[in-house]
Amino acid sequence: MAMSLRSRLAPALVVLGFGTLLALGAPLAASAHDQLESTDPAEGATVESLDAITLTFSGTLLSIGEDQRSAAIQVTSGDRFYEAGCPVLVDNTATTDVALGGAGTYDVLWQVVSSDGHTISGEYSFDYAPADGTEQSEGSATPLCGDSTAAADQPSDDAVLIGAAFTIGALAIIGVVVAIIFGRRRNAGGFGPPGQD
């Protein structure tokens, strides 16, 4: 009778464990996103000259596609864009060259793919106060790389595929473990009809 009780409880315990893993996995995945740790120039800083903007994150960034379409850094003032190159990703940093225009406040909009495969984005501002006579860039009416919505918090198709692959892989591993557990119990005769123990 004891074996019969274990055989009845085993499937319920496996399902309970499977459900617990899924419940715990969702918040863990959400909290795994990398975070922006620092910017150069810093938010709210005033600079007299600037050739590039560098963003540093808490984890290694993913580079997807030859055209680096997984990353975007746009530098705007008014309705003009002042980035002078596409982002370059190195480990946990994203850098883009800039050619600024006149004095004023500049907004930096960024989007990258976190090491967990999810797209993260944000924005901040700094002030530019060049010396008199400093050459000014005219900027551009459109972004140099990507489009004007590149920094919106929307995952790229590749990022979605990576996230889906992680999820499918995790479910496959759990499925194999469950199959092994059930297979061993069947071989041991642990799932016979009640009363045959």
N, C-alpha and C. Protein backbone atom coordinates (compact mmCIF):
# COMPACT_ATOMS: atom_id res chain seq x y z
N MET A 1 0.82 -1.21 0.00
CA MET A 1 0.00 0.00 0.00
C MET A 1 0.86 1.26 0.00
N ALA A 2 2.03 1.18 0.66
CA ALA A 2 2.92 2.35 0.70
C ALA A 2 3.42 2.72 -0.67
N MET A 3 3.78 1.67 -1.47
CA MET A 3 4.26 1.93 -2.82
C MET A 3 3.15 2.54 -3.67
N SER A 4 1.92 2.05 -3.45
CA SER A 4 0.78 2.59 -4.19
C SER A 4 0.58 4.06 -3.90
N LEU A 5 0.74 4.45 -2.65
CA LEU A 5 0.59 5.85 -2.27
C LEU A 5 1.66 6.71 -2.93
N ARG A 6 2.92 6.18 -2.95
CA ARG A 6 4.00 6.93 -3.59
C ARG A 6 3.74 7.07 -5.09
N SER A 7 3.23 5.99 -5.70
CA SER A 7 2.97 6.04 -7.14
C SER A 7 1.88 7.04 -7.47
N ARG A 8 0.93 7.23 -6.55
CA ARG A 8 -0.12 8.21 -6.78
C ARG A 8 0.37 9.64 -6.57
N LEU A 9 1.26 9.80 -5.62
CA LEU A 9 1.75 11.14 -5.30
C LEU A 9 2.82 11.61 -6.28
N ALA A 10 3.56 10.68 -6.88
CA ALA A 10 4.69 11.06 -7.73
C ALA A 10 4.29 12.01 -8.86
N PRO A 11 3.24 11.68 -9.64
CA PRO A 11 2.88 12.61 -10.73
C PRO A 11 2.49 13.99 -10.21
N ALA A 12 1.77 14.02 -9.10
CA ALA A 12 1.36 15.31 -8.54
C ALA A 12 2.56 16.13 -8.11
N LEU A 13 3.55 15.46 -7.51
CA LEU A 13 4.75 16.17 -7.06
C LEU A 13 5.54 16.70 -8.25
N VAL A 14 5.62 15.90 -9.32
CA VAL A 14 6.35 16.34 -10.51
C VAL A 14 5.67 17.56 -11.12
N VAL A 15 4.33 17.52 -11.25
CA VAL A 15 3.59 18.65 -11.80
C VAL A 15 3.77 19.88 -10.92
N LEU A 16 3.71 19.67 -9.58
CA LEU A 16 3.90 20.79 -8.66
C LEU A 16 5.29 21.40 -8.82
N GLY A 17 6.30 20.54 -8.93
CA GLY A 17 7.66 21.04 -9.12
C GLY A 17 7.81 21.77 -10.43
N PHE A 18 7.19 21.25 -11.50
CA PHE A 18 7.24 21.89 -12.81
C PHE A 18 6.59 23.28 -12.76
N GLY A 19 5.43 23.36 -12.11
CA GLY A 19 4.75 24.64 -11.98
C GLY A 19 5.55 25.64 -11.18
N THR A 20 6.22 25.15 -10.13
CA THR A 20 7.04 26.04 -9.31
C THR A 20 8.20 26.61 -10.10
N LEU A 21 8.82 25.75 -10.93
CA LEU A 21 9.93 26.22 -11.75
C LEU A 21 9.48 27.31 -12.71
N LEU A 22 8.31 27.11 -13.33
CA LEU A 22 7.80 28.13 -14.25
C LEU A 22 7.48 29.43 -13.53
N ALA A 23 6.88 29.30 -12.34
CA ALA A 23 6.51 30.50 -11.58
C ALA A 23 7.73 31.27 -11.15
N LEU A 24 8.77 30.55 -10.74
CA LEU A 24 10.00 31.22 -10.31
C LEU A 24 10.78 31.74 -11.49
N GLY A 25 10.68 31.06 -12.62
CA GLY A 25 11.48 31.44 -13.78
C GLY A 25 11.09 32.78 -14.36
N ALA A 26 9.80 33.11 -14.34
CA ALA A 26 9.35 34.37 -14.93
C ALA A 26 9.95 35.59 -14.26
N PRO A 27 9.85 35.75 -12.92
CA PRO A 27 10.46 36.93 -12.30
C PRO A 27 11.96 36.93 -12.39
N LEU A 28 12.58 35.72 -12.37
CA LEU A 28 14.03 35.68 -12.48
C LEU A 28 14.48 36.18 -13.83
N ALA A 29 13.75 35.79 -14.89
CA ALA A 29 14.11 36.25 -16.23
C ALA A 29 13.94 37.75 -16.35
N ALA A 30 12.87 38.27 -15.74
CA ALA A 30 12.62 39.71 -15.83
C ALA A 30 13.69 40.50 -15.11
N SER A 31 14.19 39.97 -14.00
CA SER A 31 15.18 40.71 -13.22
C SER A 31 16.59 40.55 -13.76
N ALA A 32 16.74 39.71 -14.81
CA ALA A 32 18.07 39.43 -15.33
C ALA A 32 18.54 40.46 -16.34
N HIS A 33 17.67 41.38 -16.72
CA HIS A 33 18.06 42.40 -17.69
C HIS A 33 19.27 43.19 -17.17
N ASP A 34 20.20 43.48 -18.10
CA ASP A 34 21.32 44.34 -17.72
C ASP A 34 20.83 45.76 -17.47
N GLN A 35 21.62 46.51 -16.72
CA GLN A 35 21.25 47.88 -16.38
C GLN A 35 22.33 48.84 -16.87
N LEU A 36 21.92 50.06 -17.21
CA LEU A 36 22.88 51.11 -17.56
C LEU A 36 23.56 51.58 -16.28
N GLU A 37 24.88 51.43 -16.22
CA GLU A 37 25.62 51.78 -15.00
C GLU A 37 26.18 53.20 -15.03
N SER A 38 26.64 53.64 -16.18
CA SER A 38 27.22 54.99 -16.26
C SER A 38 27.20 55.49 -17.70
N THR A 39 27.30 56.80 -17.84
CA THR A 39 27.36 57.42 -19.16
C THR A 39 28.47 58.45 -19.19
N ASP A 40 29.03 58.65 -20.37
CA ASP A 40 30.05 59.68 -20.57
C ASP A 40 29.70 60.44 -21.84
N PRO A 41 29.22 61.69 -21.71
CA PRO A 41 29.13 62.49 -20.47
C PRO A 41 28.00 62.01 -19.57
N ALA A 42 28.09 62.41 -18.31
CA ALA A 42 27.09 62.00 -17.33
C ALA A 42 25.79 62.76 -17.55
N GLU A 43 24.71 62.20 -17.02
CA GLU A 43 23.42 62.87 -17.12
C GLU A 43 23.46 64.23 -16.41
N GLY A 44 23.02 65.29 -17.10
CA GLY A 44 22.98 66.62 -16.53
C GLY A 44 24.31 67.35 -16.55
N ALA A 45 25.36 66.72 -17.05
CA ALA A 45 26.69 67.35 -17.08
C ALA A 45 26.73 68.43 -18.16
N THR A 46 27.66 69.36 -17.98
CA THR A 46 27.91 70.39 -19.00
C THR A 46 29.32 70.18 -19.55
N VAL A 47 29.43 70.03 -20.87
CA VAL A 47 30.72 69.78 -21.50
C VAL A 47 31.05 70.90 -22.47
N GLU A 48 32.34 71.19 -22.62
CA GLU A 48 32.78 72.21 -23.56
C GLU A 48 33.18 71.62 -24.90
N SER A 49 33.52 70.34 -24.91
CA SER A 49 33.86 69.65 -26.15
C SER A 49 33.48 68.18 -26.00
N LEU A 50 33.17 67.55 -27.12
CA LEU A 50 32.74 66.14 -27.05
C LEU A 50 32.89 65.50 -28.42
N ASP A 51 33.58 64.37 -28.45
CA ASP A 51 33.77 63.64 -29.70
C ASP A 51 32.98 62.34 -29.74
N ALA A 52 32.64 61.79 -28.57
CA ALA A 52 31.94 60.50 -28.54
C ALA A 52 31.13 60.37 -27.27
N ILE A 53 30.14 59.52 -27.32
CA ILE A 53 29.32 59.19 -26.16
C ILE A 53 29.50 57.71 -25.86
N THR A 54 29.75 57.40 -24.60
CA THR A 54 29.95 56.00 -24.19
C THR A 54 28.97 55.63 -23.09
N LEU A 55 28.30 54.51 -23.28
CA LEU A 55 27.37 53.98 -22.29
C LEU A 55 27.95 52.67 -21.75
N THR A 56 27.96 52.53 -20.43
CA THR A 56 28.50 51.33 -19.80
C THR A 56 27.39 50.60 -19.07
N PHE A 57 27.27 49.29 -19.33
CA PHE A 57 26.19 48.48 -18.78
C PHE A 57 26.73 47.43 -17.80
N SER A 58 25.81 46.78 -17.10
CA SER A 58 26.19 45.82 -16.07
C SER A 58 26.56 44.45 -16.63
N GLY A 59 26.28 44.21 -17.91
CA GLY A 59 26.62 42.92 -18.52
C GLY A 59 27.05 43.11 -19.96
N THR A 60 27.57 42.03 -20.55
CA THR A 60 28.04 42.08 -21.94
C THR A 60 26.85 42.22 -22.88
N LEU A 61 26.94 43.18 -23.79
CA LEU A 61 25.86 43.44 -24.73
C LEU A 61 25.92 42.46 -25.90
N LEU A 62 24.75 42.13 -26.46
CA LEU A 62 24.68 41.24 -27.61
C LEU A 62 24.71 42.06 -28.89
N SER A 63 25.54 41.63 -29.83
CA SER A 63 25.61 42.27 -31.13
C SER A 63 24.95 41.34 -32.13
N ILE A 64 23.83 41.77 -32.72
CA ILE A 64 23.06 40.93 -33.62
C ILE A 64 23.05 41.54 -35.01
N GLY A 65 23.52 40.81 -35.98
CA GLY A 65 23.50 41.28 -37.36
C GLY A 65 24.73 42.09 -37.71
N GLU A 66 25.10 42.03 -38.98
CA GLU A 66 26.30 42.73 -39.44
C GLU A 66 26.16 44.24 -39.34
N ASP A 67 24.93 44.74 -39.44
CA ASP A 67 24.73 46.20 -39.41
C ASP A 67 24.46 46.70 -38.00
N GLN A 68 24.69 45.84 -36.98
CA GLN A 68 24.52 46.25 -35.58
C GLN A 68 23.13 46.83 -35.33
N ARG A 69 22.11 46.30 -36.02
CA ARG A 69 20.76 46.86 -35.87
C ARG A 69 20.18 46.59 -34.50
N SER A 70 20.90 45.81 -33.69
CA SER A 70 20.41 45.54 -32.33
C SER A 70 20.73 46.69 -31.39
N ALA A 71 21.55 47.64 -31.83
CA ALA A 71 21.94 48.77 -30.97
C ALA A 71 21.71 50.09 -31.69
N ALA A 72 21.33 51.09 -30.91
CA ALA A 72 21.13 52.43 -31.48
C ALA A 72 21.45 53.46 -30.41
N ILE A 73 22.19 54.48 -30.79
CA ILE A 73 22.42 55.65 -29.93
C ILE A 73 22.16 56.87 -30.79
N GLN A 74 21.15 57.63 -30.43
CA GLN A 74 20.79 58.82 -31.18
C GLN A 74 20.96 60.06 -30.30
N VAL A 75 21.59 61.07 -30.86
CA VAL A 75 21.89 62.30 -30.12
C VAL A 75 21.16 63.44 -30.82
N THR A 76 20.22 64.05 -30.11
CA THR A 76 19.37 65.06 -30.75
C THR A 76 19.36 66.37 -29.97
N SER A 77 19.14 67.44 -30.73
CA SER A 77 18.88 68.76 -30.16
C SER A 77 17.89 69.41 -31.10
N GLY A 78 16.72 69.77 -30.57
CA GLY A 78 15.67 70.23 -31.45
C GLY A 78 15.22 69.07 -32.32
N ASP A 79 15.16 69.32 -33.64
CA ASP A 79 14.74 68.27 -34.56
C ASP A 79 15.91 67.76 -35.40
N ARG A 80 17.15 67.92 -34.90
CA ARG A 80 18.34 67.49 -35.63
C ARG A 80 19.05 66.36 -34.89
N PHE A 81 19.72 65.50 -35.66
CA PHE A 81 20.47 64.38 -35.11
C PHE A 81 21.97 64.65 -35.28
N TYR A 82 22.74 64.36 -34.22
CA TYR A 82 24.16 64.73 -34.23
C TYR A 82 25.11 63.56 -34.01
N GLU A 83 24.62 62.32 -34.10
CA GLU A 83 25.56 61.19 -34.04
C GLU A 83 26.35 61.15 -35.36
N ALA A 84 27.64 60.80 -35.26
CA ALA A 84 28.51 60.82 -36.43
C ALA A 84 28.97 59.42 -36.82
N GLY A 85 28.32 58.41 -36.29
CA GLY A 85 28.67 57.03 -36.60
C GLY A 85 27.71 56.09 -35.92
N CYS A 86 27.70 54.84 -36.37
CA CYS A 86 26.86 53.83 -35.74
C CYS A 86 27.52 53.34 -34.46
N PRO A 87 26.74 52.80 -33.52
CA PRO A 87 27.32 52.35 -32.24
C PRO A 87 28.34 51.23 -32.44
N VAL A 88 29.39 51.28 -31.63
CA VAL A 88 30.39 50.22 -31.58
C VAL A 88 30.27 49.55 -30.23
N LEU A 89 30.04 48.23 -30.23
CA LEU A 89 29.87 47.48 -29.00
C LEU A 89 31.14 46.74 -28.65
N VAL A 90 31.62 46.93 -27.42
CA VAL A 90 32.79 46.21 -26.92
C VAL A 90 32.46 45.75 -25.51
N ASP A 91 32.31 44.44 -25.34
CA ASP A 91 31.95 43.88 -24.03
C ASP A 91 30.67 44.54 -23.49
N ASN A 92 30.81 45.32 -22.42
CA ASN A 92 29.63 45.93 -21.79
C ASN A 92 29.49 47.42 -22.10
N THR A 93 30.16 47.89 -23.16
CA THR A 93 30.07 49.30 -23.52
C THR A 93 29.53 49.48 -24.94
N ALA A 94 28.82 50.60 -25.13
CA ALA A 94 28.36 51.00 -26.46
C ALA A 94 28.81 52.44 -26.66
N THR A 95 29.50 52.69 -27.77
CA THR A 95 30.07 54.01 -28.03
C THR A 95 29.68 54.49 -29.42
N THR A 96 29.37 55.77 -29.54
CA THR A 96 29.12 56.34 -30.86
C THR A 96 29.79 57.71 -30.95
N ASP A 97 30.38 58.00 -32.12
CA ASP A 97 30.99 59.32 -32.34
C ASP A 97 29.90 60.36 -32.54
N VAL A 98 30.20 61.58 -32.15
CA VAL A 98 29.24 62.68 -32.32
C VAL A 98 29.94 63.90 -32.90
N ALA A 99 29.16 64.73 -33.59
CA ALA A 99 29.62 66.04 -34.08
C ALA A 99 28.51 67.01 -33.72
N LEU A 100 28.68 67.72 -32.61
CA LEU A 100 27.62 68.55 -32.07
C LEU A 100 27.49 69.88 -32.79
N GLY A 101 26.33 70.49 -32.63
CA GLY A 101 26.07 71.79 -33.24
C GLY A 101 26.31 72.92 -32.26
N GLY A 102 25.30 73.76 -32.08
CA GLY A 102 25.47 74.90 -31.20
C GLY A 102 25.26 74.56 -29.74
N ALA A 103 25.46 75.54 -28.89
CA ALA A 103 25.28 75.34 -27.45
C ALA A 103 23.82 75.01 -27.15
N GLY A 104 23.63 74.23 -26.10
CA GLY A 104 22.27 73.88 -25.71
C GLY A 104 22.20 72.50 -25.08
N THR A 105 21.00 72.03 -24.90
CA THR A 105 20.76 70.71 -24.29
C THR A 105 20.63 69.66 -25.38
N TYR A 106 21.31 68.55 -25.18
CA TYR A 106 21.27 67.44 -26.12
C TYR A 106 20.68 66.22 -25.43
N ASP A 107 19.81 65.53 -26.14
CA ASP A 107 19.19 64.31 -25.62
C ASP A 107 19.84 63.09 -26.24
N VAL A 108 20.10 62.09 -25.42
CA VAL A 108 20.68 60.83 -25.88
C VAL A 108 19.63 59.74 -25.71
N LEU A 109 19.20 59.15 -26.81
CA LEU A 109 18.28 58.02 -26.78
C LEU A 109 19.06 56.77 -27.16
N TRP A 110 18.92 55.71 -26.37
CA TRP A 110 19.70 54.51 -26.64
C TRP A 110 18.86 53.25 -26.57
N GLN A 111 19.31 52.25 -27.31
CA GLN A 111 18.69 50.93 -27.28
C GLN A 111 19.76 49.88 -27.53
N VAL A 112 19.81 48.86 -26.70
CA VAL A 112 20.77 47.77 -26.85
C VAL A 112 20.06 46.46 -26.50
N VAL A 113 20.73 45.34 -26.78
CA VAL A 113 20.19 44.03 -26.40
C VAL A 113 20.98 43.52 -25.21
N SER A 114 20.27 43.31 -24.10
CA SER A 114 20.87 42.82 -22.86
C SER A 114 21.45 41.43 -23.06
N SER A 115 22.33 41.00 -22.16
CA SER A 115 22.95 39.68 -22.26
C SER A 115 21.94 38.55 -22.13
N ASP A 116 20.73 38.84 -21.64
CA ASP A 116 19.70 37.81 -21.55
C ASP A 116 18.82 37.76 -22.79
N GLY A 117 19.16 38.55 -23.81
CA GLY A 117 18.43 38.52 -25.07
C GLY A 117 17.28 39.49 -25.17
N HIS A 118 17.03 40.28 -24.12
CA HIS A 118 15.92 41.23 -24.15
C HIS A 118 16.44 42.64 -24.50
N THR A 119 15.61 43.38 -25.23
CA THR A 119 15.95 44.75 -25.59
C THR A 119 15.69 45.68 -24.41
N ILE A 120 16.65 46.54 -24.12
CA ILE A 120 16.48 47.56 -23.08
C ILE A 120 16.79 48.91 -23.72
N SER A 121 16.18 49.96 -23.21
CA SER A 121 16.38 51.28 -23.80
C SER A 121 16.17 52.35 -22.75
N GLY A 122 16.54 53.57 -23.11
CA GLY A 122 16.37 54.70 -22.18
C GLY A 122 16.85 55.98 -22.83
N GLU A 123 16.88 57.03 -22.06
CA GLU A 123 17.35 58.31 -22.55
C GLU A 123 17.82 59.20 -21.40
N TYR A 124 18.67 60.14 -21.73
CA TYR A 124 19.12 61.13 -20.75
C TYR A 124 19.60 62.36 -21.49
N SER A 125 19.93 63.41 -20.76
CA SER A 125 20.33 64.67 -21.40
C SER A 125 21.61 65.22 -20.79
N PHE A 126 22.33 66.01 -21.57
CA PHE A 126 23.49 66.75 -21.08
C PHE A 126 23.50 68.11 -21.78
N ASP A 127 24.29 69.03 -21.27
CA ASP A 127 24.38 70.37 -21.84
C ASP A 127 25.73 70.57 -22.53
N TYR A 128 25.69 71.30 -23.63
CA TYR A 128 26.89 71.58 -24.42
C TYR A 128 27.13 73.08 -24.42
N ALA A 129 28.33 73.48 -23.96
CA ALA A 129 28.69 74.90 -23.89
C ALA A 129 30.07 75.09 -24.51
N PRO A 130 30.17 75.10 -25.83
CA PRO A 130 31.46 75.22 -26.50
C PRO A 130 32.05 76.62 -26.40
N ALA A 131 33.35 76.70 -26.57
CA ALA A 131 34.01 78.00 -26.57
C ALA A 131 33.62 78.76 -27.83
N ASP A 132 33.72 80.07 -27.75
CA ASP A 132 33.41 80.90 -28.92
C ASP A 132 34.30 80.50 -30.08
N GLY A 133 33.72 80.42 -31.25
CA GLY A 133 34.49 80.09 -32.44
C GLY A 133 34.58 78.60 -32.72
N THR A 134 34.03 77.76 -31.85
CA THR A 134 34.06 76.31 -32.08
C THR A 134 33.19 75.97 -33.30
N GLU A 135 33.73 75.15 -34.17
CA GLU A 135 32.99 74.75 -35.36
C GLU A 135 31.72 73.99 -34.97
N GLN A 136 30.64 74.30 -35.65
CA GLN A 136 29.36 73.67 -35.34
C GLN A 136 28.90 72.78 -36.49
N SER A 137 28.44 71.59 -36.12
CA SER A 137 27.88 70.69 -37.12
C SER A 137 26.43 71.09 -37.41
N GLU A 138 26.03 70.91 -38.65
CA GLU A 138 24.65 71.20 -39.00
C GLU A 138 23.70 70.08 -38.57
N GLY A 139 24.25 68.93 -38.25
CA GLY A 139 23.41 67.80 -37.88
C GLY A 139 22.68 67.24 -39.09
N SER A 140 21.74 66.37 -38.83
CA SER A 140 20.99 65.72 -39.90
C SER A 140 19.51 65.69 -39.54
N ALA A 141 18.68 65.68 -40.58
CA ALA A 141 17.24 65.62 -40.34
C ALA A 141 16.78 64.22 -39.99
N THR A 142 17.61 63.21 -40.25
CA THR A 142 17.28 61.83 -39.96
C THR A 142 18.45 61.17 -39.23
N PRO A 143 18.21 60.11 -38.48
CA PRO A 143 19.31 59.43 -37.78
C PRO A 143 20.31 58.84 -38.76
N LEU A 144 21.56 58.79 -38.37
CA LEU A 144 22.59 58.21 -39.22
C LEU A 144 22.42 56.70 -39.32
N CYS A 145 22.01 56.07 -38.19
CA CYS A 145 21.80 54.62 -38.16
C CYS A 145 20.40 54.33 -37.64
N GLY A 146 19.66 53.50 -38.34
CA GLY A 146 18.31 53.16 -37.89
C GLY A 146 17.34 54.28 -38.22
N ASP A 147 16.15 54.21 -37.59
CA ASP A 147 15.15 55.23 -37.81
C ASP A 147 14.87 55.98 -36.53
N SER A 148 13.97 56.94 -36.59
CA SER A 148 13.73 57.81 -35.45
C SER A 148 13.06 57.10 -34.28
N THR A 149 12.59 55.86 -34.49
CA THR A 149 11.97 55.12 -33.41
C THR A 149 12.86 54.00 -32.91
N ALA A 150 14.13 54.03 -33.30
CA ALA A 150 15.03 52.93 -32.95
C ALA A 150 15.21 52.76 -31.46
N ALA A 151 15.06 53.85 -30.70
CA ALA A 151 15.29 53.76 -29.26
C ALA A 151 14.02 53.47 -28.48
N ALA A 152 12.93 53.15 -29.17
CA ALA A 152 11.72 52.75 -28.45
C ALA A 152 11.94 51.41 -27.80
N ASP A 153 11.25 51.16 -26.69
CA ASP A 153 11.46 49.92 -25.94
C ASP A 153 10.70 48.77 -26.58
N GLN A 154 11.14 48.39 -27.80
CA GLN A 154 10.55 47.27 -28.50
C GLN A 154 11.66 46.30 -28.88
N PRO A 155 11.48 45.00 -28.62
CA PRO A 155 12.51 44.03 -28.94
C PRO A 155 12.64 43.83 -30.45
N SER A 156 13.86 43.65 -30.93
CA SER A 156 14.06 43.33 -32.33
C SER A 156 13.62 41.89 -32.56
N ASP A 157 13.42 41.53 -33.85
CA ASP A 157 13.01 40.16 -34.16
C ASP A 157 14.04 39.17 -33.67
N ASP A 158 15.33 39.50 -33.84
CA ASP A 158 16.38 38.59 -33.40
C ASP A 158 16.37 38.42 -31.89
N ALA A 159 16.13 39.50 -31.16
CA ALA A 159 16.10 39.42 -29.71
C ALA A 159 14.95 38.54 -29.25
N VAL A 160 13.80 38.65 -29.94
CA VAL A 160 12.66 37.80 -29.59
C VAL A 160 13.00 36.34 -29.82
N LEU A 161 13.68 36.05 -30.93
CA LEU A 161 14.07 34.67 -31.22
C LEU A 161 15.02 34.12 -30.17
N ILE A 162 15.96 34.96 -29.71
CA ILE A 162 16.89 34.51 -28.68
C ILE A 162 16.14 34.19 -27.39
N GLY A 163 15.24 35.08 -27.00
CA GLY A 163 14.46 34.84 -25.78
C GLY A 163 13.63 33.57 -25.90
N ALA A 164 13.01 33.36 -27.08
CA ALA A 164 12.21 32.16 -27.29
C ALA A 164 13.07 30.91 -27.23
N ALA A 165 14.28 30.99 -27.80
CA ALA A 165 15.18 29.84 -27.77
C ALA A 165 15.56 29.47 -26.35
N PHE A 166 15.85 30.48 -25.51
CA PHE A 166 16.16 30.20 -24.11
C PHE A 166 14.99 29.50 -23.43
N THR A 167 13.78 30.00 -23.67
CA THR A 167 12.59 29.42 -23.03
C THR A 167 12.36 27.99 -23.48
N ILE A 168 12.45 27.75 -24.79
CA ILE A 168 12.25 26.40 -25.32
C ILE A 168 13.31 25.45 -24.78
N GLY A 169 14.55 25.92 -24.72
CA GLY A 169 15.62 25.08 -24.20
C GLY A 169 15.38 24.68 -22.75
N ALA A 170 14.93 25.65 -21.94
CA ALA A 170 14.67 25.35 -20.53
C ALA A 170 13.53 24.36 -20.39
N LEU A 171 12.45 24.53 -21.18
CA LEU A 171 11.32 23.61 -21.12
C LEU A 171 11.72 22.22 -21.59
N ALA A 172 12.60 22.15 -22.60
CA ALA A 172 13.05 20.85 -23.10
C ALA A 172 13.82 20.09 -22.02
N ILE A 173 14.69 20.80 -21.31
CA ILE A 173 15.47 20.16 -20.23
C ILE A 173 14.54 19.64 -19.14
N ILE A 174 13.55 20.46 -18.77
CA ILE A 174 12.60 20.03 -17.74
C ILE A 174 11.84 18.80 -18.22
N GLY A 175 11.45 18.79 -19.51
CA GLY A 175 10.72 17.66 -20.06
C GLY A 175 11.53 16.38 -20.01
N VAL A 176 12.82 16.47 -20.33
CA VAL A 176 13.69 15.29 -20.29
C VAL A 176 13.80 14.75 -18.86
N VAL A 177 13.95 15.68 -17.89
CA VAL A 177 14.05 15.25 -16.49
C VAL A 177 12.78 14.54 -16.06
N VAL A 178 11.62 15.10 -16.42
CA VAL A 178 10.34 14.47 -16.05
C VAL A 178 10.22 13.10 -16.69
N ALA A 179 10.62 12.97 -17.97
CA ALA A 179 10.55 11.69 -18.66
C ALA A 179 11.43 10.64 -17.99
N ILE A 180 12.62 11.05 -17.57
CA ILE A 180 13.53 10.12 -16.90
C ILE A 180 12.94 9.63 -15.59
N ILE A 181 12.36 10.58 -14.82
CA ILE A 181 11.77 10.20 -13.53
C ILE A 181 10.64 9.20 -13.72
N PHE A 182 9.74 9.49 -14.67
CA PHE A 182 8.63 8.57 -14.91
C PHE A 182 9.12 7.23 -15.45
N GLY A 183 10.13 7.27 -16.34
CA GLY A 183 10.66 6.03 -16.90
C GLY A 183 11.26 5.12 -15.85
N ARG A 184 12.01 5.69 -14.93
CA ARG A 184 12.62 4.89 -13.86
C ARG A 184 11.57 4.27 -12.96
N ARG A 185 10.52 5.04 -12.67
CA ARG A 185 9.47 4.52 -11.78
C ARG A 185 8.68 3.41 -12.47
N ARG A 186 8.46 3.52 -13.77
CA ARG A 186 7.76 2.46 -14.48
C ARG A 186 8.59 1.18 -14.46
N ASN A 187 9.91 1.33 -14.72
CA ASN A 187 10.78 0.17 -14.73
C ASN A 187 10.85 -0.50 -13.36
N ALA A 188 10.70 0.31 -12.32
CA ALA A 188 10.76 -0.23 -10.97
C ALA A 188 9.41 -0.80 -10.52
N GLY A 189 8.43 -0.70 -11.40
CA GLY A 189 7.10 -1.21 -11.04
C GLY A 189 6.36 -0.31 -10.10
N GLY A 190 6.75 0.94 -10.02
CA GLY A 190 6.12 1.85 -9.07
C GLY A 190 4.80 2.42 -9.52
N PHE A 191 4.36 2.11 -10.77
CA PHE A 191 3.10 2.69 -11.27
C PHE A 191 2.07 1.62 -11.57
N GLY A 192 2.20 0.51 -10.89
CA GLY A 192 1.19 -0.54 -11.07
C GLY A 192 -0.13 -0.12 -10.48
N PRO A 193 -1.19 -0.83 -10.83
CA PRO A 193 -2.53 -0.48 -10.29
C PRO A 193 -2.56 -0.61 -8.79
N PRO A 194 -3.37 0.18 -8.13
CA PRO A 194 -3.48 0.11 -6.67
C PRO A 194 -3.83 -1.29 -6.20
N GLY A 195 -3.23 -1.69 -5.13
CA GLY A 195 -3.52 -2.98 -4.52
C GLY A 195 -2.61 -4.10 -4.99
N GLN A 196 -1.70 -3.84 -5.94
CA GLN A 196 -0.80 -4.89 -6.43
C GLN A 196 0.54 -4.85 -5.74
N ASP A 197 0.77 -3.92 -4.76
CA ASP A 197 2.06 -3.82 -4.07
C ASP A 197 2.17 -4.93 -3.04
